């Protein structure tokens, strides 16, 4: 399992007091966007602490501890933001969507492909499956029956009708 989990991208600053605007579709925002949480920014995983958080329009707005003006945070504009997996305090066999990428998809004890990406089409989350013929499976209980994080397998039903 990954040590760092992607939670969003810093798209801009906001105001002159060093607030950062993050675009995030992370499914467990309530666990990571709060005061005192350590975040890791950019490829070098520069560690920072969230001093304050608020939601504004479609953005997650944060101020980092020790930063008080826009000039101090400009270096982070355009950077990806991560948290350590342990911060999420996930239970056994609990996962975040990002961790499904790379898992094998199994239907009726047969491997039908590998998850290459997760796509949001404004109605559903879709698993993009790479196989002889690439296809999508909705990430919902109707199709996805079990996720085995240890074996790195996702068990599905109904995938054959989606591949036609």
C-alpha atoms as a PDB file:
ATOM      1  CA  UNK A   1       0.000   0.000   0.000  1.00  0.00           C
ATOM      2  CA  UNK A   2       1.051   3.526  -0.675  1.00  0.00           C
ATOM      3  CA  UNK A   3       2.573   5.547   2.135  1.00  0.00           C
ATOM      4  CA  UNK A   4       1.292   8.860   0.748  1.00  0.00           C
ATOM      5  CA  UNK A   5      -2.245   9.450  -0.534  1.00  0.00           C
ATOM      6  CA  UNK A   6      -3.041  12.220  -3.011  1.00  0.00           C
ATOM      7  CA  UNK A   7      -5.734  14.549  -1.633  1.00  0.00           C
ATOM      8  CA  UNK A   8      -5.686  17.490  -4.060  1.00  0.00           C
ATOM      9  CA  UNK A   9      -3.800  20.169  -5.937  1.00  0.00           C
ATOM     10  CA  UNK A  10      -3.020  23.718  -4.877  1.00  0.00           C
ATOM     11  CA  UNK A  11      -4.493  25.744  -7.721  1.00  0.00           C
ATOM     12  CA  UNK A  12      -3.976  29.246  -6.376  1.00  0.00           C
ATOM     13  CA  UNK A  13      -3.640  31.525  -3.401  1.00  0.00           C
ATOM     14  CA  UNK A  14      -6.520  33.493  -1.905  1.00  0.00           C
ATOM     15  CA  UNK A  15      -6.094  36.984  -0.515  1.00  0.00           C
ATOM     16  CA  UNK A  16      -2.835  38.386   0.840  1.00  0.00           C
ATOM     17  CA  UNK A  17      -2.594  36.486   4.147  1.00  0.00           C
ATOM     18  CA  UNK A  18      -1.225  33.230   2.742  1.00  0.00           C
ATOM     19  CA  UNK A  19      -4.399  31.214   2.273  1.00  0.00           C
ATOM     20  CA  UNK A  20      -4.149  28.395  -0.284  1.00  0.00           C
ATOM     21  CA  UNK A  21      -6.919  27.212  -2.578  1.00  0.00           C
ATOM     22  CA  UNK A  22      -6.977  23.429  -3.091  1.00  0.00           C
ATOM     23  CA  UNK A  23      -9.041  21.592  -5.673  1.00  0.00           C
ATOM     24  CA  UNK A  24      -9.880  18.179  -4.254  1.00  0.00           C
ATOM     25  CA  UNK A  25     -12.263  15.350  -5.018  1.00  0.00           C
ATOM     26  CA  UNK A  26     -10.825  13.210  -2.220  1.00  0.00           C
ATOM     27  CA  UNK A  27     -13.592  11.081  -0.720  1.00  0.00           C
ATOM     28  CA  UNK A  28     -12.535  11.430   2.946  1.00  0.00           C
ATOM     29  CA  UNK A  29     -12.040  15.216   3.198  1.00  0.00           C
ATOM     30  CA  UNK A  30     -13.343  15.329   6.759  1.00  0.00           C
ATOM     31  CA  UNK A  31     -10.332  13.265   7.895  1.00  0.00           C
ATOM     32  CA  UNK A  32      -7.628  15.383   6.268  1.00  0.00           C
ATOM     33  CA  UNK A  33      -8.789  18.974   5.996  1.00  0.00           C
ATOM     34  CA  UNK A  34      -8.668  20.060   9.619  1.00  0.00           C
ATOM     35  CA  UNK A  35      -6.402  21.968  11.971  1.00  0.00           C
ATOM     36  CA  UNK A  36      -3.255  20.166  13.069  1.00  0.00           C
ATOM     37  CA  UNK A  37      -3.097  17.644  10.205  1.00  0.00           C
ATOM     38  CA  UNK A  38       0.300  17.180   8.551  1.00  0.00           C
ATOM     39  CA  UNK A  39       0.258  17.505   4.778  1.00  0.00           C
ATOM     40  CA  UNK A  40       3.016  16.860   2.271  1.00  0.00           C
ATOM     41  CA  UNK A  41       3.382  19.200  -0.689  1.00  0.00           C
ATOM     42  CA  UNK A  42       4.995  18.560  -4.073  1.00  0.00           C
ATOM     43  CA  UNK A  43       7.320  15.851  -5.338  1.00  0.00           C
ATOM     44  CA  UNK A  44       9.722  16.397  -2.433  1.00  0.00           C
ATOM     45  CA  UNK A  45       6.847  15.981   0.066  1.00  0.00           C
ATOM     46  CA  UNK A  46       7.558  19.223   1.951  1.00  0.00           C
ATOM     47  CA  UNK A  47       5.848  18.717   5.311  1.00  0.00           C
ATOM     48  CA  UNK A  48       3.516  21.444   6.585  1.00  0.00           C
ATOM     49  CA  UNK A  49       0.763  21.674   9.209  1.00  0.00           C
ATOM     50  CA  UNK A  50      -2.745  22.949   8.568  1.00  0.00           C
ATOM     51  CA  UNK A  51      -3.405  25.958  10.826  1.00  0.00           C
ATOM     52  CA  UNK A  52      -6.953  26.607   9.629  1.00  0.00           C
ATOM     53  CA  UNK A  53      -9.429  25.211   7.129  1.00  0.00           C
ATOM     54  CA  UNK A  54     -12.668  26.261   5.471  1.00  0.00           C
ATOM     55  CA  UNK A  55     -14.654  25.221   2.420  1.00  0.00           C
ATOM     56  CA  UNK A  56     -15.329  27.945  -0.176  1.00  0.00           C
ATOM     57  CA  UNK A  57     -17.284  27.237  -3.387  1.00  0.00           C
ATOM     58  CA  UNK A  58     -15.648  24.124  -4.886  1.00  0.00           C
ATOM     59  CA  UNK A  59     -12.337  24.669  -3.063  1.00  0.00           C
ATOM     60  CA  UNK A  60     -10.746  23.567   0.209  1.00  0.00           C
ATOM     61  CA  UNK A  61      -9.086  26.642   1.711  1.00  0.00           C
ATOM     62  CA  UNK A  62      -6.185  26.234   4.129  1.00  0.00           C
ATOM     63  CA  UNK A  63      -3.666  28.372   5.959  1.00  0.00           C
ATOM     64  CA  UNK A  64      -0.400  26.682   6.881  1.00  0.00           C
ATOM     65  CA  UNK A  65       1.152  27.040  10.322  1.00  0.00           C
ATOM     66  CA  UNK A  66       3.824  29.752  10.361  1.00  0.00           C
ATOM     67  CA  UNK A  67       2.731  31.355   7.075  1.00  0.00           C
ATOM     68  CA  UNK A  68       1.139  34.793   7.235  1.00  0.00           C
ATOM     69  CA  UNK A  69       1.398  36.300   3.763  1.00  0.00           C
ATOM     70  CA  UNK A  70       0.994  35.448   0.114  1.00  0.00           C
ATOM     71  CA  UNK A  71       4.723  35.696  -0.695  1.00  0.00           C
ATOM     72  CA  UNK A  72       5.527  32.817   1.654  1.00  0.00           C
ATOM     73  CA  UNK A  73       3.130  30.385  -0.039  1.00  0.00           C
ATOM     74  CA  UNK A  74       3.496  31.259  -3.726  1.00  0.00           C
ATOM     75  CA  UNK A  75       6.085  28.471  -4.047  1.00  0.00           C
ATOM     76  CA  UNK A  76       3.315  25.912  -3.458  1.00  0.00           C
ATOM     77  CA  UNK A  77       1.045  27.078  -6.279  1.00  0.00           C
ATOM     78  CA  UNK A  78       0.462  24.218  -8.743  1.00  0.00           C
ATOM     79  CA  UNK A  79       1.775  21.545  -6.356  1.00  0.00           C
ATOM     80  CA  UNK A  80       0.058  18.286  -5.408  1.00  0.00           C
ATOM     81  CA  UNK A  81      -0.919  17.730  -1.773  1.00  0.00           C
ATOM     82  CA  UNK A  82      -0.632  14.400   0.051  1.00  0.00           C
ATOM     83  CA  UNK A  83      -1.225  12.931   3.500  1.00  0.00           C
ATOM     84  CA  UNK A  84       0.340   9.882   5.058  1.00  0.00           C
ATOM     85  CA  UNK A  85      -1.958   6.875   4.813  1.00  0.00           C
ATOM     86  CA  UNK A  86      -1.818   6.404   8.600  1.00  0.00           C
ATOM     87  CA  UNK A  87      -3.464   9.845   9.028  1.00  0.00           C
ATOM     88  CA  UNK A  88      -6.669   8.387   7.578  1.00  0.00           C
ATOM     89  CA  UNK A  89      -6.903   5.756  10.348  1.00  0.00           C
ATOM     90  CA  UNK A  90      -8.472   3.243   7.963  1.00  0.00           C
ATOM     91  CA  UNK A  91      -9.783  -0.026   9.322  1.00  0.00           C
ATOM     92  CA  UNK A  92      -8.710  -3.427   8.017  1.00  0.00           C
ATOM     93  CA  UNK A  93      -9.742  -3.830   4.353  1.00  0.00           C
ATOM     94  CA  UNK A  94     -10.894  -0.178   4.236  1.00  0.00           C
ATOM     95  CA  UNK A  95      -9.401   1.768   1.344  1.00  0.00           C
ATOM     96  CA  UNK A  96      -9.418   5.010  -0.586  1.00  0.00           C
ATOM     97  CA  UNK A  97     -10.321   4.998  -4.278  1.00  0.00           C
ATOM     98  CA  UNK A  98      -6.767   5.802  -5.397  1.00  0.00           C
ATOM     99  CA  UNK A  99      -5.584   2.482  -3.951  1.00  0.00           C
ATOM    100  CA  UNK A 100      -7.824   0.531  -6.353  1.00  0.00           C
ATOM    101  CA  UNK A 101      -5.616   1.551  -9.264  1.00  0.00           C
ATOM    102  CA  UNK A 102      -3.434  -1.400 -10.211  1.00  0.00           C
ATOM    103  CA  UNK A 103      -5.714  -4.031  -8.654  1.00  0.00           C
ATOM    104  CA  UNK A 104      -6.890  -7.044 -10.654  1.00  0.00           C
ATOM    105  CA  UNK A 105     -10.587  -7.354 -11.472  1.00  0.00           C
ATOM    106  CA  UNK A 106     -12.071 -10.817 -10.885  1.00  0.00           C
ATOM    107  CA  UNK A 107     -15.441 -12.085 -12.110  1.00  0.00           C
ATOM    108  CA  UNK A 108     -16.548 -15.708 -11.651  1.00  0.00           C
ATOM    109  CA  UNK A 109     -13.003 -16.641 -10.553  1.00  0.00           C
ATOM    110  CA  UNK A 110     -11.617 -15.296 -13.859  1.00  0.00           C
ATOM    111  CA  UNK A 111      -9.337 -12.273 -14.155  1.00  0.00           C
ATOM    112  CA  UNK A 112     -11.027  -9.881 -16.583  1.00  0.00           C
ATOM    113  CA  UNK A 113      -8.532  -7.009 -16.415  1.00  0.00           C
ATOM    114  CA  UNK A 114      -6.663  -4.498 -14.309  1.00  0.00           C
ATOM    115  CA  UNK A 115      -7.877  -1.150 -12.941  1.00  0.00           C
ATOM    116  CA  UNK A 116      -5.930   1.620 -14.659  1.00  0.00           C
ATOM    117  CA  UNK A 117      -7.855   4.690 -13.535  1.00  0.00           C
ATOM    118  CA  UNK A 118     -10.937   5.979 -11.758  1.00  0.00           C
ATOM    119  CA  UNK A 119     -13.118   8.426 -13.661  1.00  0.00           C
ATOM    120  CA  UNK A 120     -15.942  10.609 -12.366  1.00  0.00           C
ATOM    121  CA  UNK A 121     -18.553  11.268 -15.059  1.00  0.00           C
ATOM    122  CA  UNK A 122     -20.805  13.563 -12.980  1.00  0.00           C
ATOM    123  CA  UNK A 123     -23.202  10.682 -12.337  1.00  0.00           C
ATOM    124  CA  UNK A 124     -20.965   7.825 -11.208  1.00  0.00           C
ATOM    125  CA  UNK A 125     -17.464   6.864 -10.266  1.00  0.00           C
ATOM    126  CA  UNK A 126     -16.203   4.474 -12.923  1.00  0.00           C
ATOM    127  CA  UNK A 127     -13.353   1.994 -12.803  1.00  0.00           C
ATOM    128  CA  UNK A 128     -11.436   2.082 -16.093  1.00  0.00           C
ATOM    129  CA  UNK A 129     -10.454  -1.524 -16.752  1.00  0.00           C
ATOM    130  CA  UNK A 130      -7.596  -2.362 -19.083  1.00  0.00           C
ATOM    131  CA  UNK A 131      -8.117  -5.693 -20.801  1.00  0.00           C
ATOM    132  CA  UNK A 132      -8.133  -7.141 -24.327  1.00  0.00           C
ATOM    133  CA  UNK A 133     -10.904  -4.611 -24.871  1.00  0.00           C
ATOM    134  CA  UNK A 134     -10.878  -1.724 -22.370  1.00  0.00           C
ATOM    135  CA  UNK A 135     -14.135  -0.954 -20.556  1.00  0.00           C
ATOM    136  CA  UNK A 136     -15.662   0.760 -17.509  1.00  0.00           C
ATOM    137  CA  UNK A 137     -17.419  -0.647 -14.456  1.00  0.00           C
ATOM    138  CA  UNK A 138     -19.406   1.614 -12.106  1.00  0.00           C
ATOM    139  CA  UNK A 139     -17.891   1.747  -8.625  1.00  0.00           C
ATOM    140  CA  UNK A 140     -21.032   0.799  -6.737  1.00  0.00           C
ATOM    141  CA  UNK A 141     -22.489  -2.150  -4.813  1.00  0.00           C
ATOM    142  CA  UNK A 142     -24.434  -3.409  -7.827  1.00  0.00           C
ATOM    143  CA  UNK A 143     -21.218  -4.311  -9.669  1.00  0.00           C
ATOM    144  CA  UNK A 144     -18.374  -4.258  -7.134  1.00  0.00           C
ATOM    145  CA  UNK A 145     -19.018  -7.018  -4.602  1.00  0.00           C
ATOM    146  CA  UNK A 146     -15.752  -7.175  -2.669  1.00  0.00           C
ATOM    147  CA  UNK A 147     -12.389  -5.427  -2.482  1.00  0.00           C
ATOM    148  CA  UNK A 148      -9.488  -7.466  -1.105  1.00  0.00           C
ATOM    149  CA  UNK A 149      -6.767  -4.930  -0.358  1.00  0.00           C
ATOM    150  CA  UNK A 150      -4.250  -7.565   0.743  1.00  0.00           C
ATOM    151  CA  UNK A 151      -4.574  -9.681  -2.417  1.00  0.00           C
ATOM    152  CA  UNK A 152      -5.009  -6.539  -4.565  1.00  0.00           C
ATOM    153  CA  UNK A 153      -8.181  -7.902  -6.174  1.00  0.00           C
ATOM    154  CA  UNK A 154     -11.597  -6.412  -6.839  1.00  0.00           C
ATOM    155  CA  UNK A 155     -14.427  -8.926  -7.229  1.00  0.00           C
ATOM    156  CA  UNK A 156     -17.256  -7.865  -9.531  1.00  0.00           C
ATOM    157  CA  UNK A 157     -20.539  -9.137 -10.938  1.00  0.00           C
ATOM    158  CA  UNK A 158     -22.067  -8.041 -14.226  1.00  0.00           C
ATOM    159  CA  UNK A 159     -18.784  -6.962 -15.778  1.00  0.00           C
ATOM    160  CA  UNK A 160     -19.309  -9.227 -18.810  1.00  0.00           C
ATOM    161  CA  UNK A 161     -22.419  -7.375 -19.911  1.00  0.00           C
ATOM    162  CA  UNK A 162     -20.489  -4.087 -19.691  1.00  0.00           C
ATOM    163  CA  UNK A 163     -17.751  -5.380 -22.006  1.00  0.00           C
ATOM    164  CA  UNK A 164     -20.050  -6.087 -24.974  1.00  0.00           C
END
